[in-house]
Amino acid sequence: MKNEKEVLLDEIEKLMAYGREDSTINPTLLEYLEISDLNSIKAKLLERVGTLSQSDKEWLEQFKMYK
């Protein structure tokens, strides 16, 4: 089972690569960041949902965490 950091890294990599062949940053560099940094990156990527098409929004919904 993946730990929290591995899950965040996977999600960030998918968010960054969306609509592209590969991500805009080398995902191995993200491994050196702390959990709080990764959560911040993920939150910023999810903020972009407001400027995307409806189909893009639906795809991104899978990454939101509901509490």
N, C-alpha and C. Protein backbone atom coordinates (compact mmCIF):
# COMPACT_ATOMS: atom_id res chain seq x y z
N MET A 1 0.85 -1.18 0.00
CA MET A 1 0.00 0.00 0.00
C MET A 1 0.89 1.25 0.00
N LYS A 2 0.49 2.24 -0.77
CA LYS A 2 1.28 3.46 -0.89
C LYS A 2 1.08 4.33 0.35
N ASN A 3 2.15 5.04 0.71
CA ASN A 3 2.03 5.99 1.81
C ASN A 3 1.51 7.31 1.28
N GLU A 4 1.24 8.24 2.18
CA GLU A 4 0.63 9.53 1.80
C GLU A 4 1.48 10.28 0.77
N LYS A 5 2.77 10.27 0.95
CA LYS A 5 3.65 11.01 0.04
C LYS A 5 3.61 10.39 -1.36
N GLU A 6 3.63 9.08 -1.46
CA GLU A 6 3.57 8.42 -2.76
C GLU A 6 2.26 8.72 -3.47
N VAL A 7 1.17 8.73 -2.72
CA VAL A 7 -0.14 9.04 -3.31
C VAL A 7 -0.15 10.47 -3.84
N LEU A 8 0.35 11.42 -3.03
CA LEU A 8 0.41 12.81 -3.47
C LEU A 8 1.29 12.97 -4.70
N LEU A 9 2.43 12.30 -4.72
CA LEU A 9 3.32 12.38 -5.88
C LEU A 9 2.63 11.87 -7.14
N ASP A 10 1.91 10.77 -7.02
CA ASP A 10 1.18 10.23 -8.17
C ASP A 10 0.12 11.22 -8.65
N GLU A 11 -0.62 11.80 -7.72
CA GLU A 11 -1.68 12.73 -8.09
C GLU A 11 -1.12 13.99 -8.72
N ILE A 12 -0.05 14.52 -8.16
CA ILE A 12 0.57 15.73 -8.72
C ILE A 12 1.12 15.44 -10.11
N GLU A 13 1.74 14.30 -10.27
CA GLU A 13 2.28 13.95 -11.59
C GLU A 13 1.16 13.88 -12.62
N LYS A 14 0.03 13.29 -12.28
CA LYS A 14 -1.11 13.21 -13.20
C LYS A 14 -1.67 14.59 -13.50
N LEU A 15 -1.80 15.43 -12.48
CA LEU A 15 -2.31 16.78 -12.68
C LEU A 15 -1.40 17.60 -13.57
N MET A 16 -0.11 17.47 -13.36
CA MET A 16 0.84 18.24 -14.16
C MET A 16 0.91 17.75 -15.60
N ALA A 17 0.71 16.49 -15.81
CA ALA A 17 0.82 15.92 -17.15
C ALA A 17 -0.48 16.00 -17.93
N TYR A 18 -1.56 16.42 -17.30
CA TYR A 18 -2.86 16.44 -17.96
C TYR A 18 -2.80 17.24 -19.26
N GLY A 19 -3.18 16.60 -20.35
CA GLY A 19 -3.20 17.26 -21.65
C GLY A 19 -1.85 17.35 -22.33
N ARG A 20 -0.85 16.72 -21.75
CA ARG A 20 0.50 16.75 -22.33
C ARG A 20 1.03 15.33 -22.41
N GLU A 21 2.09 15.18 -23.16
CA GLU A 21 2.74 13.87 -23.25
C GLU A 21 3.45 13.51 -21.95
N ASP A 22 4.09 14.50 -21.34
CA ASP A 22 4.78 14.27 -20.08
C ASP A 22 4.61 15.48 -19.18
N SER A 23 4.98 15.35 -17.91
CA SER A 23 4.76 16.45 -16.98
C SER A 23 5.73 17.59 -17.25
N THR A 24 5.43 18.75 -16.69
CA THR A 24 6.23 19.94 -16.92
C THR A 24 7.43 20.01 -15.99
N ILE A 25 7.48 19.15 -15.00
CA ILE A 25 8.61 19.08 -14.08
C ILE A 25 8.93 17.62 -13.84
N ASN A 26 10.17 17.35 -13.63
CA ASN A 26 10.58 15.98 -13.37
C ASN A 26 9.99 15.52 -12.03
N PRO A 27 9.10 14.53 -12.04
CA PRO A 27 8.45 14.08 -10.80
C PRO A 27 9.42 13.60 -9.73
N THR A 28 10.60 13.17 -10.12
CA THR A 28 11.57 12.72 -9.12
C THR A 28 12.04 13.88 -8.24
N LEU A 29 11.99 15.09 -8.77
CA LEU A 29 12.35 16.26 -7.96
C LEU A 29 11.34 16.50 -6.85
N LEU A 30 10.08 16.15 -7.10
CA LEU A 30 9.03 16.35 -6.10
C LEU A 30 9.23 15.45 -4.88
N GLU A 31 9.93 14.35 -5.05
CA GLU A 31 10.14 13.41 -3.95
C GLU A 31 10.90 14.04 -2.79
N TYR A 32 11.64 15.10 -3.04
CA TYR A 32 12.43 15.74 -2.00
C TYR A 32 11.63 16.76 -1.19
N LEU A 33 10.40 17.03 -1.60
CA LEU A 33 9.57 18.00 -0.89
C LEU A 33 8.85 17.34 0.28
N GLU A 34 8.49 18.16 1.24
CA GLU A 34 7.73 17.70 2.39
C GLU A 34 6.25 17.54 2.02
N ILE A 35 5.52 16.80 2.85
CA ILE A 35 4.09 16.57 2.63
C ILE A 35 3.35 17.90 2.51
N SER A 36 3.66 18.86 3.36
CA SER A 36 2.98 20.16 3.32
C SER A 36 3.22 20.87 1.99
N ASP A 37 4.44 20.76 1.48
CA ASP A 37 4.76 21.36 0.17
C ASP A 37 3.97 20.69 -0.94
N LEU A 38 3.89 19.37 -0.88
CA LEU A 38 3.15 18.61 -1.90
C LEU A 38 1.67 18.93 -1.85
N ASN A 39 1.11 19.06 -0.64
CA ASN A 39 -0.30 19.44 -0.51
C ASN A 39 -0.55 20.82 -1.09
N SER A 40 0.39 21.73 -0.89
CA SER A 40 0.27 23.08 -1.43
C SER A 40 0.31 23.06 -2.97
N ILE A 41 1.21 22.30 -3.53
CA ILE A 41 1.31 22.17 -4.99
C ILE A 41 0.02 21.59 -5.55
N LYS A 42 -0.49 20.55 -4.92
CA LYS A 42 -1.73 19.93 -5.38
C LYS A 42 -2.89 20.92 -5.31
N ALA A 43 -2.96 21.68 -4.22
CA ALA A 43 -4.04 22.67 -4.07
C ALA A 43 -3.97 23.73 -5.16
N LYS A 44 -2.77 24.20 -5.48
CA LYS A 44 -2.62 25.20 -6.54
C LYS A 44 -3.04 24.64 -7.90
N LEU A 45 -2.70 23.40 -8.16
CA LEU A 45 -3.10 22.79 -9.43
C LEU A 45 -4.61 22.64 -9.49
N LEU A 46 -5.23 22.29 -8.38
CA LEU A 46 -6.68 22.13 -8.36
C LEU A 46 -7.41 23.46 -8.47
N GLU A 47 -6.77 24.56 -8.05
CA GLU A 47 -7.37 25.90 -8.16
C GLU A 47 -7.64 26.26 -9.62
N ARG A 48 -6.89 25.68 -10.51
CA ARG A 48 -7.05 25.99 -11.93
C ARG A 48 -8.34 25.41 -12.52
N VAL A 49 -9.04 24.62 -11.74
CA VAL A 49 -10.27 24.00 -12.22
C VAL A 49 -11.25 25.05 -12.73
N GLY A 50 -11.28 26.22 -12.12
CA GLY A 50 -12.22 27.26 -12.51
C GLY A 50 -12.04 27.76 -13.93
N THR A 51 -10.88 27.55 -14.54
CA THR A 51 -10.63 28.05 -15.89
C THR A 51 -10.67 26.95 -16.94
N LEU A 52 -11.11 25.76 -16.54
CA LEU A 52 -11.11 24.62 -17.45
C LEU A 52 -12.52 24.32 -17.98
N SER A 53 -12.56 23.54 -19.02
CA SER A 53 -13.84 23.12 -19.58
C SER A 53 -14.53 22.16 -18.62
N GLN A 54 -15.81 21.90 -18.86
CA GLN A 54 -16.57 21.00 -18.00
C GLN A 54 -15.97 19.60 -17.98
N SER A 55 -15.53 19.09 -19.12
CA SER A 55 -14.94 17.74 -19.14
C SER A 55 -13.63 17.71 -18.36
N ASP A 56 -12.85 18.80 -18.43
CA ASP A 56 -11.63 18.88 -17.64
C ASP A 56 -11.95 18.90 -16.15
N LYS A 57 -12.98 19.65 -15.78
CA LYS A 57 -13.39 19.72 -14.38
C LYS A 57 -13.80 18.35 -13.86
N GLU A 58 -14.53 17.62 -14.67
CA GLU A 58 -14.97 16.29 -14.26
C GLU A 58 -13.77 15.38 -14.06
N TRP A 59 -12.78 15.47 -14.93
CA TRP A 59 -11.58 14.65 -14.78
C TRP A 59 -10.84 15.00 -13.49
N LEU A 60 -10.74 16.29 -13.19
CA LEU A 60 -10.00 16.72 -12.00
C LEU A 60 -10.72 16.39 -10.70
N GLU A 61 -12.03 16.21 -10.73
CA GLU A 61 -12.78 15.89 -9.51
C GLU A 61 -12.24 14.68 -8.80
N GLN A 62 -11.64 13.76 -9.52
CA GLN A 62 -11.12 12.54 -8.90
C GLN A 62 -10.00 12.81 -7.91
N PHE A 63 -9.39 13.98 -7.98
CA PHE A 63 -8.28 14.31 -7.10
C PHE A 63 -8.69 15.09 -5.86
N LYS A 64 -9.93 15.55 -5.81
CA LYS A 64 -10.40 16.30 -4.65
C LYS A 64 -10.66 15.34 -3.49
N MET A 65 -10.37 15.83 -2.31
CA MET A 65 -10.64 15.05 -1.10
C MET A 65 -11.82 15.70 -0.40
N TYR A 66 -12.81 14.94 -0.10
CA TYR A 66 -13.98 15.45 0.61
C TYR A 66 -13.90 15.02 2.06
N LYS A 67 -14.10 15.97 2.95
CA LYS A 67 -14.01 15.67 4.39
C LYS A 67 -15.38 15.70 5.02
